[in-house]
Amino acid sequence: MFWSLELASHLEEAPWPATKDELIDYAIRSGAPLEVIENIQELDDEVESYEGIEDIWPDYPTQEDFFFNEDEY
């Protein structure tokens, strides 16, 4: 399983929390690349639901990872 920022961004608007099957369904309906669906299929079957993209890819960058200060603009 390989995640990139581009692939993971297809799941940003997914209906969280979501099960593995719900994520696969969302990815198919939203037209996500095949790699996204393949990555979801490789997720652990024992997890009942995922609370967010960070549960799938712990290194997913958040707003805090960027050094952009909104107060300056």
C-alpha atoms as a PDB file:
ATOM      1  CA  MET A   1       0.000   0.000   0.000  1.00  0.00           C
ATOM      2  CA  PHE A   2       1.418   3.339  -1.064  1.00  0.00           C
ATOM      3  CA  TRP A   3      -0.244   6.663  -0.283  1.00  0.00           C
ATOM      4  CA  SER A   4       0.699   9.987  -1.758  1.00  0.00           C
ATOM      5  CA  LEU A   5      -0.799  13.370  -1.082  1.00  0.00           C
ATOM      6  CA  GLU A   6      -2.564  13.243  -4.441  1.00  0.00           C
ATOM      7  CA  LEU A   7      -4.107   9.814  -3.767  1.00  0.00           C
ATOM      8  CA  ALA A   8      -5.135  10.595  -0.198  1.00  0.00           C
ATOM      9  CA  SER A   9      -6.724  13.876  -1.256  1.00  0.00           C
ATOM     10  CA  HIS A  10      -9.445  11.868  -3.012  1.00  0.00           C
ATOM     11  CA  LEU A  11     -10.674  10.768   0.420  1.00  0.00           C
ATOM     12  CA  GLU A  12     -10.687  14.173   2.140  1.00  0.00           C
ATOM     13  CA  GLU A  13     -14.414  14.637   1.569  1.00  0.00           C
ATOM     14  CA  ALA A  14     -15.342  11.030   2.396  1.00  0.00           C
ATOM     15  CA  PRO A  15     -18.204  10.570   4.868  1.00  0.00           C
ATOM     16  CA  TRP A  16     -16.158  10.031   8.038  1.00  0.00           C
ATOM     17  CA  PRO A  17     -16.384   7.887  10.117  1.00  0.00           C
ATOM     18  CA  ALA A  18     -16.568   5.185   7.486  1.00  0.00           C
ATOM     19  CA  THR A  19     -16.060   1.461   7.167  1.00  0.00           C
ATOM     20  CA  LYS A  20     -13.723  -0.072   4.632  1.00  0.00           C
ATOM     21  CA  ASP A  21     -16.673  -0.957   2.364  1.00  0.00           C
ATOM     22  CA  GLU A  22     -18.084   2.571   2.616  1.00  0.00           C
ATOM     23  CA  LEU A  23     -14.705   4.024   1.642  1.00  0.00           C
ATOM     24  CA  ILE A  24     -14.471   1.720  -1.366  1.00  0.00           C
ATOM     25  CA  ASP A  25     -17.997   2.693  -2.401  1.00  0.00           C
ATOM     26  CA  TYR A  26     -17.186   6.402  -1.975  1.00  0.00           C
ATOM     27  CA  ALA A  27     -13.964   6.081  -3.976  1.00  0.00           C
ATOM     28  CA  ILE A  28     -15.781   4.359  -6.838  1.00  0.00           C
ATOM     29  CA  ARG A  29     -18.659   6.876  -6.868  1.00  0.00           C
ATOM     30  CA  SER A  30     -16.337   9.869  -6.706  1.00  0.00           C
ATOM     31  CA  GLY A  31     -14.181   8.643  -9.586  1.00  0.00           C
ATOM     32  CA  ALA A  32     -11.002   8.169  -7.555  1.00  0.00           C
ATOM     33  CA  PRO A  33      -8.059   6.506  -9.337  1.00  0.00           C
ATOM     34  CA  LEU A  34      -7.778   2.725  -9.199  1.00  0.00           C
ATOM     35  CA  GLU A  35      -4.747   3.058  -6.897  1.00  0.00           C
ATOM     36  CA  VAL A  36      -6.950   4.610  -4.189  1.00  0.00           C
ATOM     37  CA  ILE A  37      -9.403   1.702  -4.346  1.00  0.00           C
ATOM     38  CA  GLU A  38      -6.558  -0.829  -4.280  1.00  0.00           C
ATOM     39  CA  ASN A  39      -5.042   0.891  -1.218  1.00  0.00           C
ATOM     40  CA  ILE A  40      -8.383   0.829   0.601  1.00  0.00           C
ATOM     41  CA  GLN A  41      -8.800  -2.879  -0.209  1.00  0.00           C
ATOM     42  CA  GLU A  42      -5.459  -3.534   1.502  1.00  0.00           C
ATOM     43  CA  LEU A  43      -6.646  -1.965   4.779  1.00  0.00           C
ATOM     44  CA  ASP A  44      -7.108  -4.123   7.859  1.00  0.00           C
ATOM     45  CA  ASP A  45     -10.416  -6.016   7.792  1.00  0.00           C
ATOM     46  CA  GLU A  46     -10.612  -6.086  11.594  1.00  0.00           C
ATOM     47  CA  VAL A  47     -11.080  -2.326  11.983  1.00  0.00           C
ATOM     48  CA  GLU A  48     -14.787  -1.527  12.290  1.00  0.00           C
ATOM     49  CA  SER A  49     -14.586   2.065  11.087  1.00  0.00           C
ATOM     50  CA  TYR A  50     -12.052   4.746  10.329  1.00  0.00           C
ATOM     51  CA  GLU A  51     -12.499   8.159  11.932  1.00  0.00           C
ATOM     52  CA  GLY A  52     -10.539  10.100   9.339  1.00  0.00           C
ATOM     53  CA  ILE A  53      -7.821  10.027   6.738  1.00  0.00           C
ATOM     54  CA  GLU A  54      -5.225  10.051   9.525  1.00  0.00           C
ATOM     55  CA  ASP A  55      -6.398   6.551  10.567  1.00  0.00           C
ATOM     56  CA  ILE A  56      -5.539   5.309   7.092  1.00  0.00           C
ATOM     57  CA  TRP A  57      -2.370   7.327   6.496  1.00  0.00           C
ATOM     58  CA  PRO A  58      -0.917   8.592   9.812  1.00  0.00           C
ATOM     59  CA  ASP A  59       1.559  10.859   8.000  1.00  0.00           C
ATOM     60  CA  TYR A  60      -1.187  12.749   6.147  1.00  0.00           C
ATOM     61  CA  PRO A  61      -0.246  16.430   6.322  1.00  0.00           C
ATOM     62  CA  THR A  62      -2.594  18.728   8.199  1.00  0.00           C
ATOM     63  CA  GLN A  63      -2.992  22.505   8.173  1.00  0.00           C
ATOM     64  CA  GLU A  64      -0.471  22.683  11.017  1.00  0.00           C
ATOM     65  CA  ASP A  65       2.188  21.004   8.884  1.00  0.00           C
ATOM     66  CA  PHE A  66       2.333  24.005   6.601  1.00  0.00           C
ATOM     67  CA  PHE A  67       4.039  27.122   7.872  1.00  0.00           C
ATOM     68  CA  PHE A  68       1.391  29.474   6.540  1.00  0.00           C
ATOM     69  CA  ASN A  69       0.295  32.123   8.985  1.00  0.00           C
ATOM     70  CA  GLU A  70      -3.257  33.178   8.024  1.00  0.00           C
ATOM     71  CA  ASP A  71      -3.086  36.197  10.344  1.00  0.00           C
ATOM     72  CA  GLU A  72      -0.423  37.811   8.193  1.00  0.00           C
ATOM     73  CA  TYR A  73      -2.716  38.158   5.165  1.00  0.00           C
END
